[in-house]
PDB file of N, CA and C in Angstrom:
ATOM      1  N   MET A   1      59.361  68.075 106.621  1.00  0.00           N
ATOM      2  CA  MET A   1      59.229  67.650 105.247  1.00  0.00           C
ATOM      3  C   MET A   1      58.015  68.338 104.617  1.00  0.00           C
ATOM      4  N   ARG A   2      58.196  68.927 103.447  1.00  0.00           N
ATOM      5  CA  ARG A   2      57.101  69.607 102.748  1.00  0.00           C
ATOM      6  C   ARG A   2      56.300  68.622 101.936  1.00  0.00           C
ATOM      7  N   ARG A   3      55.043  68.852 101.887  1.00  0.00           N
ATOM      8  CA  ARG A   3      54.159  68.032 101.074  1.00  0.00           C
ATOM      9  C   ARG A   3      53.774  68.792  99.813  1.00  0.00           C
ATOM     10  N   CYS A   4      53.433  68.051  98.799  1.00  0.00           N
ATOM     11  CA  CYS A   4      52.906  68.682  97.585  1.00  0.00           C
ATOM     12  C   CYS A   4      51.522  69.226  97.877  1.00  0.00           C
ATOM     13  N   LYS A   5      51.251  70.375  97.309  1.00  0.00           N
ATOM     14  CA  LYS A   5      49.902  70.913  97.413  1.00  0.00           C
ATOM     15  C   LYS A   5      48.969  70.108  96.531  1.00  0.00           C
ATOM     16  N   THR A   6      47.738  70.073  96.933  1.00  0.00           N
ATOM     17  CA  THR A   6      46.736  69.472  96.080  1.00  0.00           C
ATOM     18  C   THR A   6      46.230  70.559  95.143  1.00  0.00           C
ATOM     19  N   CYS A   7      46.417  70.332  93.880  1.00  0.00           N
ATOM     20  CA  CYS A   7      46.018  71.331  92.884  1.00  0.00           C
ATOM     21  C   CYS A   7      44.815  70.815  92.105  1.00  0.00           C
ATOM     22  N   ALA A   8      43.979  71.729  91.733  1.00  0.00           N
ATOM     23  CA  ALA A   8      42.815  71.373  90.919  1.00  0.00           C
ATOM     24  C   ALA A   8      43.288  70.984  89.527  1.00  0.00           C
ATOM     25  N   PRO A   9      42.635  70.007  88.916  1.00  0.00           N
ATOM     26  CA  PRO A   9      43.026  69.638  87.552  1.00  0.00           C
ATOM     27  C   PRO A   9      42.740  70.774  86.576  1.00  0.00           C
ATOM     28  N   VAL A  10      43.523  70.810  85.517  1.00  0.00           N
ATOM     29  CA  VAL A  10      43.328  71.821  84.481  1.00  0.00           C
ATOM     30  C   VAL A  10      42.007  71.504  83.766  1.00  0.00           C
ATOM     31  N   PRO A  11      41.119  72.504  83.636  1.00  0.00           N
ATOM     32  CA  PRO A  11      39.829  72.253  82.976  1.00  0.00           C
ATOM     33  C   PRO A  11      40.011  71.785  81.532  1.00  0.00           C
ATOM     34  N   GLU A  12      39.086  70.972  81.083  1.00  0.00           N
ATOM     35  CA  GLU A  12      39.130  70.411  79.728  1.00  0.00           C
ATOM     36  C   GLU A  12      39.189  71.504  78.665  1.00  0.00           C
ATOM     37  N   GLU A  13      38.438  72.594  78.852  1.00  0.00           N
ATOM     38  CA  GLU A  13      38.432  73.677  77.858  1.00  0.00           C
ATOM     39  C   GLU A  13      39.821  74.288  77.708  1.00  0.00           C
ATOM     40  N   VAL A  14      40.524  74.446  78.826  1.00  0.00           N
ATOM     41  CA  VAL A  14      41.864  75.034  78.794  1.00  0.00           C
ATOM     42  C   VAL A  14      42.828  74.087  78.088  1.00  0.00           C
ATOM     43  N   ARG A  15      42.694  72.797  78.358  1.00  0.00           N
ATOM     44  CA  ARG A  15      43.564  71.826  77.691  1.00  0.00           C
ATOM     45  C   ARG A  15      43.318  71.794  76.187  1.00  0.00           C
ATOM     46  N   ARG A  16      42.046  71.903  75.770  1.00  0.00           N
ATOM     47  CA  ARG A  16      41.746  71.911  74.332  1.00  0.00           C
ATOM     48  C   ARG A  16      42.333  73.142  73.655  1.00  0.00           C
ATOM     49  N   LEU A  17      42.171  74.319  74.284  1.00  0.00           N
ATOM     50  CA  LEU A  17      42.718  75.547  73.708  1.00  0.00           C
ATOM     51  C   LEU A  17      44.238  75.477  73.642  1.00  0.00           C
ATOM     52  N   ALA A  18      44.868  75.006  74.707  1.00  0.00           N
ATOM     53  CA  ALA A  18      46.327  74.898  74.717  1.00  0.00           C
ATOM     54  C   ALA A  18      46.795  73.944  73.624  1.00  0.00           C
ATOM     55  N   SER A  19      46.091  72.851  73.451  1.00  0.00           N
ATOM     56  CA  SER A  19      46.447  71.887  72.406  1.00  0.00           C
ATOM     57  C   SER A  19      46.356  72.524  71.023  1.00  0.00           C
ATOM     58  N   LEU A  20      45.327  73.320  70.810  1.00  0.00           N
ATOM     59  CA  LEU A  20      45.161  73.998  69.520  1.00  0.00           C
ATOM     60  C   LEU A  20      46.267  75.020  69.287  1.00  0.00           C
ATOM     61  N   LEU A  21      46.529  75.860  70.280  1.00  0.00           N
ATOM     62  CA  LEU A  21      47.488  76.953  70.106  1.00  0.00           C
ATOM     63  C   LEU A  21      48.936  76.503  70.132  1.00  0.00           C
ATOM     64  N   GLU A  22      49.208  75.334  70.728  1.00  0.00           N
ATOM     65  CA  GLU A  22      50.595  74.892  70.778  1.00  0.00           C
ATOM     66  C   GLU A  22      51.045  74.264  69.463  1.00  0.00           C
ATOM     67  N   ARG A  23      50.107  74.037  68.553  1.00  0.00           N
ATOM     68  CA  ARG A  23      50.469  73.489  67.244  1.00  0.00           C
ATOM     69  C   ARG A  23      51.316  74.511  66.501  1.00  0.00           C
ATOM     70  N   ARG A  24      52.329  74.047  65.850  1.00  0.00           N
ATOM     71  CA  ARG A  24      53.231  74.948  65.146  1.00  0.00           C
ATOM     72  C   ARG A  24      52.476  75.780  64.116  1.00  0.00           C
ATOM     73  N   TYR A  25      52.702  77.053  64.114  1.00  0.00           N
ATOM     74  CA  TYR A  25      52.134  78.054  63.203  1.00  0.00           C
ATOM     75  C   TYR A  25      50.708  78.493  63.547  1.00  0.00           C
ATOM     76  N   ALA A  26      50.034  77.863  64.483  1.00  0.00           N
ATOM     77  CA  ALA A  26      48.641  78.228  64.778  1.00  0.00           C
ATOM     78  C   ALA A  26      48.527  79.676  65.244  1.00  0.00           C
ATOM     79  N   VAL A  27      49.371  80.087  66.177  1.00  0.00           N
ATOM     80  CA  VAL A  27      49.313  81.470  66.677  1.00  0.00           C
ATOM     81  C   VAL A  27      49.701  82.435  65.561  1.00  0.00           C
ATOM     82  N   SER A  28      50.683  82.060  64.753  1.00  0.00           N
ATOM     83  CA  SER A  28      51.095  82.922  63.635  1.00  0.00           C
ATOM     84  C   SER A  28      49.976  83.079  62.612  1.00  0.00           C
ATOM     85  N   ILE A  29      49.251  82.010  62.349  1.00  0.00           N
ATOM     86  CA  ILE A  29      48.120  82.091  61.417  1.00  0.00           C
ATOM     87  C   ILE A  29      47.048  83.011  61.965  1.00  0.00           C
ATOM     88  N   LEU A  30      46.758  82.888  63.251  1.00  0.00           N
ATOM     89  CA  LEU A  30      45.764  83.778  63.862  1.00  0.00           C
ATOM     90  C   LEU A  30      46.226  85.227  63.795  1.00  0.00           C
ATOM     91  N   TYR A  31      47.484  85.466  64.124  1.00  0.00           N
ATOM     92  CA  TYR A  31      48.020  86.826  64.071  1.00  0.00           C
ATOM     93  C   TYR A  31      47.895  87.390  62.654  1.00  0.00           C
ATOM     94  N   ALA A  32      48.267  86.591  61.661  1.00  0.00           N
ATOM     95  CA  ALA A  32      48.175  87.039  60.264  1.00  0.00           C
ATOM     96  C   ALA A  32      46.727  87.311  59.870  1.00  0.00           C
ATOM     97  N   SER A  33      45.814  86.481  60.352  1.00  0.00           N
ATOM     98  CA  SER A  33      44.401  86.699  60.008  1.00  0.00           C
ATOM     99  C   SER A  33      43.880  87.990  60.630  1.00  0.00           C
ATOM    100  N   TYR A  34      44.372  88.343  61.803  1.00  0.00           N
ATOM    101  CA  TYR A  34      43.969  89.615  62.429  1.00  0.00           C
ATOM    102  C   TYR A  34      44.550  90.804  61.671  1.00  0.00           C
ATOM    103  N   GLN A  35      45.658  90.570  60.939  1.00  0.00           N
ATOM    104  CA  GLN A  35      46.282  91.629  60.151  1.00  0.00           C
ATOM    105  C   GLN A  35      45.689  91.739  58.754  1.00  0.00           C
ATOM    106  N   GLY A  36      44.741  90.859  58.417  1.00  0.00           N
ATOM    107  CA  GLY A  36      44.062  90.975  57.137  1.00  0.00           C
ATOM    108  C   GLY A  36      44.251  89.819  56.171  1.00  0.00           C
ATOM    109  N   CYS A  37      45.093  88.847  56.483  1.00  0.00           N
ATOM    110  CA  CYS A  37      45.267  87.703  55.589  1.00  0.00           C
ATOM    111  C   CYS A  37      43.987  86.878  55.549  1.00  0.00           C
ATOM    112  N   THR A  38      43.569  86.500  54.347  1.00  0.00           N
ATOM    113  CA  THR A  38      42.377  85.671  54.206  1.00  0.00           C
ATOM    114  C   THR A  38      42.602  84.492  53.258  1.00  0.00           C
ATOM    115  N   ARG A  39      43.579  84.598  52.362  1.00  0.00           N
ATOM    116  CA  ARG A  39      43.768  83.558  51.357  1.00  0.00           C
ATOM    117  C   ARG A  39      45.051  82.775  51.622  1.00  0.00           C
ATOM    118  N   PHE A  40      45.067  81.548  51.128  1.00  0.00           N
ATOM    119  CA  PHE A  40      46.186  80.636  51.358  1.00  0.00           C
ATOM    120  C   PHE A  40      47.522  81.279  50.997  1.00  0.00           C
ATOM    121  N   GLY A  41      47.595  81.886  49.832  1.00  0.00           N
ATOM    122  CA  GLY A  41      48.831  82.528  49.385  1.00  0.00           C
ATOM    123  C   GLY A  41      49.260  83.672  50.287  1.00  0.00           C
ATOM    124  N   GLU A  42      48.299  84.411  50.806  1.00  0.00           N
ATOM    125  CA  GLU A  42      48.620  85.509  51.729  1.00  0.00           C
ATOM    126  C   GLU A  42      49.207  84.970  53.022  1.00  0.00           C
ATOM    127  N   PHE A  43      48.635  83.858  53.521  1.00  0.00           N
ATOM    128  CA  PHE A  43      49.186  83.241  54.735  1.00  0.00           C
ATOM    129  C   PHE A  43      50.609  82.739  54.481  1.00  0.00           C
ATOM    130  N   ARG A  44      50.833  82.122  53.323  1.00  0.00           N
ATOM    131  CA  ARG A  44      52.187  81.637  52.991  1.00  0.00           C
ATOM    132  C   ARG A  44      53.176  82.785  52.940  1.00  0.00           C
ATOM    133  N   GLN A  45      52.754  83.898  52.354  1.00  0.00           N
ATOM    134  CA  GLN A  45      53.633  85.063  52.251  1.00  0.00           C
ATOM    135  C   GLN A  45      53.924  85.636  53.640  1.00  0.00           C
ATOM    136  N   ALA A  46      52.900  85.724  54.490  1.00  0.00           N
ATOM    137  CA  ALA A  46      53.065  86.311  55.820  1.00  0.00           C
ATOM    138  C   ALA A  46      53.889  85.407  56.749  1.00  0.00           C
ATOM    139  N   LEU A  47      53.729  84.097  56.624  1.00  0.00           N
ATOM    140  CA  LEU A  47      54.398  83.172  57.532  1.00  0.00           C
ATOM    141  C   LEU A  47      55.786  82.762  57.076  1.00  0.00           C
ATOM    142  N   GLY A  48      56.089  82.962  55.810  1.00  0.00           N
ATOM    143  CA  GLY A  48      57.430  82.628  55.332  1.00  0.00           C
ATOM    144  C   GLY A  48      57.587  81.161  54.999  1.00  0.00           C
ATOM    145  N   GLU A  49      58.454  80.481  55.670  1.00  0.00           N
ATOM    146  CA  GLU A  49      58.875  79.131  55.313  1.00  0.00           C
ATOM    147  C   GLU A  49      57.949  78.013  55.783  1.00  0.00           C
ATOM    148  N   VAL A  50      56.673  78.245  55.893  1.00  0.00           N
ATOM    149  CA  VAL A  50      55.752  77.196  56.308  1.00  0.00           C
ATOM    150  C   VAL A  50      55.468  76.262  55.123  1.00  0.00           C
ATOM    151  N   PRO A  51      55.604  74.949  55.326  1.00  0.00           N
ATOM    152  CA  PRO A  51      55.277  74.020  54.239  1.00  0.00           C
ATOM    153  C   PRO A  51      53.787  74.099  53.894  1.00  0.00           C
ATOM    154  N   PRO A  52      53.436  74.057  52.618  1.00  0.00           N
ATOM    155  CA  PRO A  52      52.023  74.180  52.217  1.00  0.00           C
ATOM    156  C   PRO A  52      51.121  73.145  52.881  1.00  0.00           C
ATOM    157  N   ARG A  53      51.600  71.930  53.009  1.00  0.00           N
ATOM    158  CA  ARG A  53      50.790  70.880  53.642  1.00  0.00           C
ATOM    159  C   ARG A  53      50.501  71.222  55.106  1.00  0.00           C
ATOM    160  N   THR A  54      51.498  71.719  55.805  1.00  0.00           N
ATOM    161  CA  THR A  54      51.323  72.097  57.205  1.00  0.00           C
ATOM    162  C   THR A  54      50.342  73.254  57.326  1.00  0.00           C
ATOM    163  N   LEU A  55      50.481  74.244  56.451  1.00  0.00           N
ATOM    164  CA  LEU A  55      49.565  75.382  56.477  1.00  0.00           C
ATOM    165  C   LEU A  55      48.127  74.922  56.242  1.00  0.00           C
ATOM    166  N   ALA A  56      47.924  74.073  55.262  1.00  0.00           N
ATOM    167  CA  ALA A  56      46.584  73.566  54.972  1.00  0.00           C
ATOM    168  C   ALA A  56      46.023  72.813  56.179  1.00  0.00           C
ATOM    169  N   GLN A  57      46.864  72.036  56.824  1.00  0.00           N
ATOM    170  CA  GLN A  57      46.430  71.275  57.993  1.00  0.00           C
ATOM    171  C   GLN A  57      46.048  72.203  59.153  1.00  0.00           C
ATOM    172  N   ARG A  58      46.856  73.229  59.398  1.00  0.00           N
ATOM    173  CA  ARG A  58      46.554  74.161  60.494  1.00  0.00           C
ATOM    174  C   ARG A  58      45.281  74.952  60.207  1.00  0.00           C
ATOM    175  N   LEU A  59      45.107  75.384  58.961  1.00  0.00           N
ATOM    176  CA  LEU A  59      43.881  76.104  58.604  1.00  0.00           C
ATOM    177  C   LEU A  59      42.658  75.212  58.841  1.00  0.00           C
ATOM    178  N   LEU A  60      42.767  73.950  58.492  1.00  0.00           N
ATOM    179  CA  LEU A  60      41.671  73.009  58.717  1.00  0.00           C
ATOM    180  C   LEU A  60      41.407  72.821  60.208  1.00  0.00           C
ATOM    181  N   GLU A  61      42.459  72.701  61.005  1.00  0.00           N
ATOM    182  CA  GLU A  61      42.298  72.546  62.456  1.00  0.00           C
ATOM    183  C   GLU A  61      41.637  73.780  63.068  1.00  0.00           C
ATOM    184  N   LEU A  62      42.052  74.966  62.635  1.00  0.00           N
ATOM    185  CA  LEU A  62      41.457  76.193  63.158  1.00  0.00           C
ATOM    186  C   LEU A  62      40.005  76.324  62.704  1.00  0.00           C
ATOM    187  N   GLU A  63      39.715  75.834  61.516  1.00  0.00           N
ATOM    188  CA  GLU A  63      38.326  75.831  61.037  1.00  0.00           C
ATOM    189  C   GLU A  63      37.486  74.874  61.876  1.00  0.00           C
ATOM    190  N   ARG A  64      37.990  73.693  62.122  1.00  0.00           N
ATOM    191  CA  ARG A  64      37.259  72.708  62.938  1.00  0.00           C
ATOM    192  C   ARG A  64      37.048  73.185  64.359  1.00  0.00           C
ATOM    193  N   ALA A  65      37.978  73.978  64.870  1.00  0.00           N
ATOM    194  CA  ALA A  65      37.858  74.522  66.224  1.00  0.00           C
ATOM    195  C   ALA A  65      36.880  75.693  66.285  1.00  0.00           C
ATOM    196  N   GLY A  66      36.422  76.156  65.119  1.00  0.00           N
ATOM    197  CA  GLY A  66      35.470  77.261  65.094  1.00  0.00           C
ATOM    198  C   GLY A  66      36.101  78.630  65.180  1.00  0.00           C
ATOM    199  N   VAL A  67      37.409  78.702  64.955  1.00  0.00           N
ATOM    200  CA  VAL A  67      38.136  79.968  65.046  1.00  0.00           C
ATOM    201  C   VAL A  67      38.173  80.678  63.696  1.00  0.00           C
ATOM    202  N   LEU A  68      38.271  79.907  62.630  1.00  0.00           N
ATOM    203  CA  LEU A  68      38.229  80.434  61.269  1.00  0.00           C
ATOM    204  C   LEU A  68      37.070  79.765  60.531  1.00  0.00           C
ATOM    205  N   ARG A  69      36.544  80.468  59.535  1.00  0.00           N
ATOM    206  CA  ARG A  69      35.496  79.901  58.691  1.00  0.00           C
ATOM    207  C   ARG A  69      36.000  79.945  57.245  1.00  0.00           C
ATOM    208  N   ARG A  70      35.899  78.812  56.587  1.00  0.00           N
ATOM    209  CA  ARG A  70      36.331  78.703  55.190  1.00  0.00           C
ATOM    210  C   ARG A  70      35.164  79.079  54.295  1.00  0.00           C
ATOM    211  N   GLU A  71      35.386  80.055  53.426  1.00  0.00           N
ATOM    212  CA  GLU A  71      34.357  80.495  52.492  1.00  0.00           C
ATOM    213  C   GLU A  71      34.859  80.281  51.070  1.00  0.00           C
ATOM    214  N   VAL A  72      34.040  79.620  50.268  1.00  0.00           N
ATOM    215  CA  VAL A  72      34.378  79.390  48.862  1.00  0.00           C
ATOM    216  C   VAL A  72      33.494  80.299  48.030  1.00  0.00           C
ATOM    217  N   ARG A  73      34.123  81.165  47.258  1.00  0.00           N
ATOM    218  CA  ARG A  73      33.394  82.085  46.390  1.00  0.00           C
ATOM    219  C   ARG A  73      33.324  81.504  44.996  1.00  0.00           C
ATOM    220  N   ASP A  74      32.171  81.619  44.391  1.00  0.00           N
ATOM    221  CA  ASP A  74      31.969  81.104  43.042  1.00  0.00           C
ATOM    222  C   ASP A  74      32.665  82.026  42.044  1.00  0.00           C
ATOM    223  N   ALA A  75      33.736  81.537  41.495  1.00  0.00           N
ATOM    224  CA  ALA A  75      34.505  82.289  40.498  1.00  0.00           C
ATOM    225  C   ALA A  75      35.283  81.273  39.670  1.00  0.00           C
ATOM    226  N   ARG A  76      35.959  81.750  38.667  1.00  0.00           N
ATOM    227  CA  ARG A  76      36.802  80.876  37.846  1.00  0.00           C
ATOM    228  C   ARG A  76      38.236  81.351  37.951  1.00  0.00           C
ATOM    229  N   PRO A  77      39.143  80.683  38.594  1.00  0.00           N
ATOM    230  CA  PRO A  77      38.949  79.518  39.459  1.00  0.00           C
ATOM    231  C   PRO A  77      38.271  79.920  40.760  1.00  0.00           C
ATOM    232  N   PRO A  78      37.733  78.932  41.520  1.00  0.00           N
ATOM    233  CA  PRO A  78      37.074  79.256  42.785  1.00  0.00           C
ATOM    234  C   PRO A  78      38.032  79.979  43.746  1.00  0.00           C
ATOM    235  N   VAL A  79      37.503  80.914  44.488  1.00  0.00           N
ATOM    236  CA  VAL A  79      38.281  81.682  45.448  1.00  0.00           C
ATOM    237  C   VAL A  79      37.931  81.178  46.848  1.00  0.00           C
ATOM    238  N   VAL A  80      38.964  80.781  47.607  1.00  0.00           N
ATOM    239  CA  VAL A  80      38.766  80.299  48.970  1.00  0.00           C
ATOM    240  C   VAL A  80      39.371  81.324  49.919  1.00  0.00           C
ATOM    241  N   GLU A  81      38.572  81.743  50.900  1.00  0.00           N
ATOM    242  CA  GLU A  81      39.044  82.693  51.913  1.00  0.00           C
ATOM    243  C   GLU A  81      38.755  82.135  53.294  1.00  0.00           C
ATOM    244  N   TYR A  82      39.618  82.497  54.226  1.00  0.00           N
ATOM    245  CA  TYR A  82      39.449  82.103  55.623  1.00  0.00           C
ATOM    246  C   TYR A  82      39.140  83.355  56.426  1.00  0.00           C
ATOM    247  N   VAL A  83      37.983  83.353  57.059  1.00  0.00           N
ATOM    248  CA  VAL A  83      37.488  84.520  57.785  1.00  0.00           C
ATOM    249  C   VAL A  83      37.477  84.206  59.277  1.00  0.00           C
ATOM    250  N   VAL A  84      37.909  85.166  60.078  1.00  0.00           N
ATOM    251  CA  VAL A  84      37.889  84.991  61.533  1.00  0.00           C
ATOM    252  C   VAL A  84      36.439  85.000  62.005  1.00  0.00           C
ATOM    253  N   THR A  85      36.090  84.011  62.807  1.00  0.00           N
ATOM    254  CA  THR A  85      34.739  83.914  63.360  1.00  0.00           C
ATOM    255  C   THR A  85      34.643  84.743  64.638  1.00  0.00           C
ATOM    256  N   PRO A  86      33.441  84.945  65.162  1.00  0.00           N
ATOM    257  CA  PRO A  86      33.320  85.625  66.460  1.00  0.00           C
ATOM    258  C   PRO A  86      34.130  84.920  67.551  1.00  0.00           C
ATOM    259  N   GLU A  87      34.150  83.593  67.507  1.00  0.00           N
ATOM    260  CA  GLU A  87      34.954  82.833  68.477  1.00  0.00           C
ATOM    261  C   GLU A  87      36.440  83.145  68.301  1.00  0.00           C
ATOM    262  N   GLY A  88      36.869  83.279  67.058  1.00  0.00           N
ATOM    263  CA  GLY A  88      38.258  83.621  66.777  1.00  0.00           C
ATOM    264  C   GLY A  88      38.609  85.031  67.222  1.00  0.00           C
ATOM    265  N   ARG A  89      37.653  85.947  67.109  1.00  0.00           N
ATOM    266  CA  ARG A  89      37.889  87.326  67.561  1.00  0.00           C
ATOM    267  C   ARG A  89      38.072  87.384  69.071  1.00  0.00           C
ATOM    268  N   ARG A  90      37.471  86.450  69.779  1.00  0.00           N
ATOM    269  CA  ARG A  90      37.635  86.411  71.243  1.00  0.00           C
ATOM    270  C   ARG A  90      39.073  86.071  71.628  1.00  0.00           C
ATOM    271  N   LEU A  91      39.819  85.424  70.742  1.00  0.00           N
ATOM    272  CA  LEU A  91      41.215  85.072  71.013  1.00  0.00           C
ATOM    273  C   LEU A  91      42.184  86.199  70.672  1.00  0.00           C
ATOM    274  N   ARG A  92      41.697  87.237  70.044  1.00  0.00           N
ATOM    275  CA  ARG A  92      42.590  88.302  69.568  1.00  0.00           C
ATOM    276  C   ARG A  92      43.432  88.908  70.693  1.00  0.00           C
ATOM    277  N   ASP A  93      42.822  89.208  71.827  1.00  0.00           N
ATOM    278  CA  ASP A  93      43.581  89.797  72.936  1.00  0.00           C
ATOM    279  C   ASP A  93      44.694  88.870  73.421  1.00  0.00           C
ATOM    280  N   VAL A  94      44.425  87.566  73.418  1.00  0.00           N
ATOM    281  CA  VAL A  94      45.436  86.593  73.840  1.00  0.00           C
ATOM    282  C   VAL A  94      46.608  86.599  72.861  1.00  0.00           C
ATOM    283  N   VAL A  95      46.303  86.571  71.574  1.00  0.00           N
ATOM    284  CA  VAL A  95      47.356  86.561  70.548  1.00  0.00           C
ATOM    285  C   VAL A  95      48.129  87.873  70.575  1.00  0.00           C
ATOM    286  N   GLU A  96      47.434  88.982  70.727  1.00  0.00           N
ATOM    287  CA  GLU A  96      48.112  90.289  70.809  1.00  0.00           C
ATOM    288  C   GLU A  96      49.015  90.352  72.045  1.00  0.00           C
ATOM    289  N   ALA A  97      48.566  89.799  73.171  1.00  0.00           N
ATOM    290  CA  ALA A  97      49.392  89.783  74.381  1.00  0.00           C
ATOM    291  C   ALA A  97      50.649  88.945  74.159  1.00  0.00           C
ATOM    292  N   LEU A  98      50.520  87.832  73.480  1.00  0.00           N
ATOM    293  CA  LEU A  98      51.696  87.012  73.148  1.00  0.00           C
ATOM    294  C   LEU A  98      52.664  87.783  72.241  1.00  0.00           C
ATOM    295  N   ALA A  99      52.118  88.495  71.265  1.00  0.00           N
ATOM    296  CA  ALA A  99      52.951  89.286  70.357  1.00  0.00           C
ATOM    297  C   ALA A  99      53.667  90.400  71.118  1.00  0.00           C
ATOM    298  N   ASP A 100      52.957  91.074  72.023  1.00  0.00           N
ATOM    299  CA  ASP A 100      53.580  92.121  72.828  1.00  0.00           C
ATOM    300  C   ASP A 100      54.695  91.561  73.695  1.00  0.00           C
ATOM    301  N   TRP A 101      54.439  90.403  74.304  1.00  0.00           N
ATOM    302  CA  TRP A 101      55.446  89.771  75.152  1.00  0.00           C
ATOM    303  C   TRP A 101      56.686  89.401  74.324  1.00  0.00           C
ATOM    304  N   ALA A 102      56.459  88.879  73.117  1.00  0.00           N
ATOM    305  CA  ALA A 102      57.575  88.476  72.255  1.00  0.00           C
ATOM    306  C   ALA A 102      58.411  89.676  71.819  1.00  0.00           C
ATOM    307  N   ARG A 103      57.752  90.823  71.603  1.00  0.00           N
ATOM    308  CA  ARG A 103      58.477  92.032  71.180  1.00  0.00           C
ATOM    309  C   ARG A 103      59.317  92.621  72.301  1.00  0.00           C
ATOM    310  N   ALA A 104      58.898  92.406  73.545  1.00  0.00           N
ATOM    311  CA  ALA A 104      59.571  93.024  74.708  1.00  0.00           C
ATOM    312  C   ALA A 104      60.914  92.383  75.022  1.00  0.00           C
TER     313      ALA A 104
END
């Protein structure tokens, strides 16, 4: 009779990242931001049929995770842009690898 192996628990950091990236549209938003999208309308155009409320929620989650930074420029009307942070740039290889895998 075979026994189950004893496996180490998944580290908390890995679970947090997986939770963030498994949210619908999160990887697509990151991919679009690496391609140059910075404004809400640009993300909507790049992602297609994403509901505006969902997009706003994902952008906020990515901002809270430290992956994107929300910048408000003083203009009439105010201009809001989402900029990839250094922490977000560290995820670029992961997102690119997922994109390569999906294309194959």
